[in-house]
N, C-alpha and C. Protein backbone atom coordinates (compact mmCIF):
# COMPACT_ATOMS: atom_id res chain seq x y z
N LYS A 1 99.40 111.24 116.04
CA LYS A 1 98.10 110.65 116.51
C LYS A 1 97.19 111.12 115.62
N LEU A 2 96.42 110.15 114.85
CA LEU A 2 95.34 110.19 114.02
C LEU A 2 94.22 110.80 114.54
N ASP A 3 93.40 111.84 113.78
CA ASP A 3 92.08 112.39 113.96
C ASP A 3 91.04 111.39 113.43
N VAL A 4 90.20 110.77 114.44
CA VAL A 4 89.38 109.85 113.67
C VAL A 4 88.10 110.47 112.82
N GLU A 5 88.00 111.76 113.07
CA GLU A 5 87.11 112.52 112.25
C GLU A 5 87.35 112.52 110.89
N THR A 6 88.76 113.10 110.64
CA THR A 6 89.32 113.42 109.50
C THR A 6 89.98 112.40 108.61
N THR A 7 90.54 111.43 109.38
CA THR A 7 91.44 110.40 108.78
C THR A 7 90.48 109.60 107.83
N GLN A 8 90.71 109.39 106.85
CA GLN A 8 89.98 108.55 105.81
C GLN A 8 90.24 107.19 106.17
N ILE A 9 89.41 106.18 106.13
CA ILE A 9 89.61 104.88 106.69
C ILE A 9 89.09 103.81 105.46
N GLY A 10 89.88 102.91 105.07
CA GLY A 10 89.40 102.09 104.38
C GLY A 10 89.39 100.42 104.86
N LEU A 11 88.42 99.88 104.52
CA LEU A 11 88.36 98.27 105.22
C LEU A 11 88.66 97.35 103.97
N THR A 12 89.34 96.29 104.37
CA THR A 12 89.58 95.31 103.32
C THR A 12 89.76 93.97 103.85
N GLY A 13 89.05 93.14 103.12
CA GLY A 13 89.04 91.62 103.75
C GLY A 13 88.83 90.56 102.39
N TYR A 14 89.22 89.47 102.87
CA TYR A 14 89.45 88.23 101.75
C TYR A 14 88.63 87.13 102.25
N SER A 15 87.69 86.55 101.47
CA SER A 15 87.16 85.29 102.01
C SER A 15 86.16 85.65 103.16
N GLY A 16 86.29 85.08 104.47
CA GLY A 16 85.43 85.42 105.51
C GLY A 16 85.72 86.70 105.96
N GLY A 17 86.80 87.35 105.78
CA GLY A 17 87.23 88.49 106.21
C GLY A 17 86.53 89.57 105.37
N ALA A 18 86.15 89.22 103.92
CA ALA A 18 85.30 90.12 103.19
C ALA A 18 84.09 90.39 103.82
N HIS A 19 83.20 89.37 104.47
CA HIS A 19 82.04 89.64 105.01
C HIS A 19 82.27 90.58 106.02
N ALA A 20 83.43 90.72 107.05
CA ALA A 20 83.36 91.69 108.11
C ALA A 20 83.79 92.87 107.57
N ALA A 21 84.28 92.97 106.23
CA ALA A 21 84.81 94.26 105.64
C ALA A 21 83.49 94.99 105.06
N ALA A 22 82.67 94.07 104.46
CA ALA A 22 81.37 94.57 103.76
C ALA A 22 80.53 94.90 104.81
N TRP A 23 80.16 94.30 105.99
CA TRP A 23 79.55 94.63 106.82
C TRP A 23 79.90 95.82 107.48
N GLY A 24 81.27 95.85 107.96
CA GLY A 24 81.60 97.17 108.54
C GLY A 24 81.36 98.42 107.75
N ALA A 25 81.54 98.13 106.41
CA ALA A 25 81.24 99.63 105.57
C ALA A 25 79.90 99.79 105.58
N GLN A 26 79.03 99.02 105.47
CA GLN A 26 77.53 99.01 105.49
C GLN A 26 77.09 99.66 106.70
N LEU A 27 77.62 99.25 107.88
CA LEU A 27 77.12 99.87 109.22
C LEU A 27 77.85 100.82 109.87
N SER A 28 78.91 101.35 109.23
CA SER A 28 80.00 102.31 109.95
C SER A 28 79.25 103.55 110.20
N LYS A 29 78.16 104.03 109.33
CA LYS A 29 77.66 105.30 109.76
C LYS A 29 76.62 105.25 110.95
N SER A 30 75.90 104.17 110.92
CA SER A 30 75.00 104.14 112.15
C SER A 30 75.81 103.44 113.42
N HIS A 31 76.72 102.77 113.11
CA HIS A 31 77.43 102.12 114.34
C HIS A 31 78.83 102.68 115.05
N ALA A 32 79.51 103.55 114.00
CA ALA A 32 80.60 103.98 114.25
C ALA A 32 80.66 105.52 113.60
N PRO A 33 79.53 106.42 113.67
CA PRO A 33 79.79 107.70 112.93
C PRO A 33 80.92 108.79 112.96
N GLU A 34 81.70 108.39 114.34
CA GLU A 34 82.66 108.98 114.30
C GLU A 34 83.96 108.78 113.56
N LEU A 35 83.94 107.50 112.79
CA LEU A 35 84.83 107.14 112.05
C LEU A 35 84.57 107.51 110.41
N ASN A 36 85.61 107.90 109.76
CA ASN A 36 85.40 108.38 108.36
C ASN A 36 85.68 107.28 107.26
N VAL A 37 84.79 106.36 107.32
CA VAL A 37 85.08 104.97 106.51
C VAL A 37 84.60 105.60 104.97
N VAL A 38 85.74 105.53 104.12
CA VAL A 38 85.38 106.03 102.87
C VAL A 38 85.35 104.76 101.69
N ALA A 39 85.84 103.73 102.22
CA ALA A 39 86.18 102.68 101.03
C ALA A 39 85.95 101.35 101.59
N ALA A 40 85.61 100.36 100.85
CA ALA A 40 85.90 99.08 101.36
C ALA A 40 86.26 97.90 100.20
N ALA A 41 87.32 97.30 100.24
CA ALA A 41 87.77 96.40 99.13
C ALA A 41 87.48 95.10 99.73
N ILE A 42 86.71 94.36 98.89
CA ILE A 42 86.41 93.02 99.43
C ILE A 42 86.70 92.14 98.39
N GLY A 43 87.00 90.75 98.56
CA GLY A 43 87.39 89.84 97.50
C GLY A 43 87.07 88.26 97.89
N GLY A 44 86.94 87.52 97.07
CA GLY A 44 87.01 86.03 97.56
C GLY A 44 85.91 85.83 98.32
N LEU A 45 84.63 86.38 98.04
CA LEU A 45 83.33 86.12 98.88
C LEU A 45 82.89 84.68 98.76
N PRO A 46 82.55 84.38 100.02
CA PRO A 46 82.02 83.06 99.97
C PRO A 46 80.57 83.07 99.33
N VAL A 47 80.26 82.14 98.54
CA VAL A 47 79.14 81.98 97.72
C VAL A 47 77.94 81.84 98.77
N ASN A 48 76.69 81.98 98.07
CA ASN A 48 75.49 81.56 98.81
C ASN A 48 75.27 80.19 98.42
N MET A 49 75.21 79.52 99.70
CA MET A 49 75.34 78.16 99.78
C MET A 49 73.95 77.62 99.42
N LYS A 50 72.89 78.22 99.78
CA LYS A 50 71.50 77.49 99.17
C LYS A 50 71.58 77.48 97.59
N ASN A 51 71.98 78.61 97.03
CA ASN A 51 71.89 78.61 95.61
C ASN A 51 72.99 77.77 94.99
N THR A 52 73.82 77.48 95.62
CA THR A 52 74.94 76.60 95.14
C THR A 52 74.52 75.06 95.36
N LEU A 53 73.87 74.73 96.44
CA LEU A 53 73.03 73.45 96.53
C LEU A 53 72.10 73.27 95.63
N LEU A 54 71.18 74.06 95.36
CA LEU A 54 70.29 73.76 94.49
C LEU A 54 70.82 73.58 92.96
N GLN A 55 71.75 74.28 92.89
CA GLN A 55 72.31 74.07 91.25
C GLN A 55 73.01 72.84 91.23
N LEU A 56 73.68 72.40 92.15
CA LEU A 56 74.36 71.02 92.09
C LEU A 56 73.52 69.68 92.16
N ASN A 57 72.21 70.20 92.81
CA ASN A 57 71.23 69.03 93.00
C ASN A 57 70.43 68.76 91.55
N LYS A 58 70.76 69.48 90.60
CA LYS A 58 69.90 69.36 89.38
C LYS A 58 71.19 68.46 88.25
N GLY A 59 72.16 68.14 88.76
CA GLY A 59 73.00 67.55 87.82
C GLY A 59 73.73 66.33 88.26
N PHE A 60 74.61 65.61 87.56
CA PHE A 60 75.10 64.40 88.05
C PHE A 60 76.16 64.60 89.20
N CYS A 61 76.28 65.83 89.76
CA CYS A 61 77.26 66.05 90.79
C CYS A 61 76.47 66.31 92.04
N ALA A 62 75.30 65.97 91.90
CA ALA A 62 74.29 66.16 93.25
C ALA A 62 74.99 65.47 94.54
N GLY A 63 75.66 64.37 94.43
CA GLY A 63 76.38 63.91 95.78
C GLY A 63 77.35 64.54 96.31
N LEU A 64 77.77 65.71 95.40
CA LEU A 64 78.92 66.63 96.19
C LEU A 64 78.10 67.69 97.25
N SER A 65 76.91 67.73 96.91
CA SER A 65 76.14 68.64 98.02
C SER A 65 76.38 68.05 99.38
N LEU A 66 76.29 66.99 99.61
CA LEU A 66 76.29 66.21 100.97
C LEU A 66 77.86 66.47 101.34
N ALA A 67 78.77 66.48 100.45
CA ALA A 67 80.24 66.38 100.89
C ALA A 67 80.40 67.84 101.35
N GLY A 68 79.98 69.01 100.50
CA GLY A 68 80.01 70.27 100.73
C GLY A 68 79.17 70.82 102.34
N VAL A 69 78.12 70.16 102.50
CA VAL A 69 77.66 70.31 103.66
C VAL A 69 78.38 69.77 104.74
N VAL A 70 78.75 68.53 104.77
CA VAL A 70 79.59 67.82 105.85
C VAL A 70 80.97 68.84 106.05
N GLY A 71 81.53 69.32 104.86
CA GLY A 71 82.75 69.93 105.16
C GLY A 71 82.51 71.44 105.89
N GLN A 72 81.29 72.02 105.49
CA GLN A 72 80.93 73.23 106.08
C GLN A 72 80.64 72.91 107.50
N TYR A 73 80.00 71.83 107.79
CA TYR A 73 79.66 71.43 109.10
C TYR A 73 80.82 71.39 110.29
N ASN A 74 81.89 70.58 109.69
CA ASN A 74 83.25 70.37 110.13
C ASN A 74 84.20 71.22 110.33
N ALA A 75 84.07 72.40 109.44
CA ALA A 75 84.91 73.73 109.58
C ALA A 75 84.84 74.61 110.86
């Protein structure tokens, strides 16, 4: 049986799971202080959609913005 106070816990996530791992690491001290979260490994973070759309809107690929929004809406 693991001792939650001394067992070192690492969180990991990729893509959407990276958000959960990052937030879990950030909130662990206030939300679950009994857990000894010592690390988080996150990868494939989704991009900032607003910044991406603003950059796409400046070039010849501006039409892709609509396709991206429709894809996100349907996901």
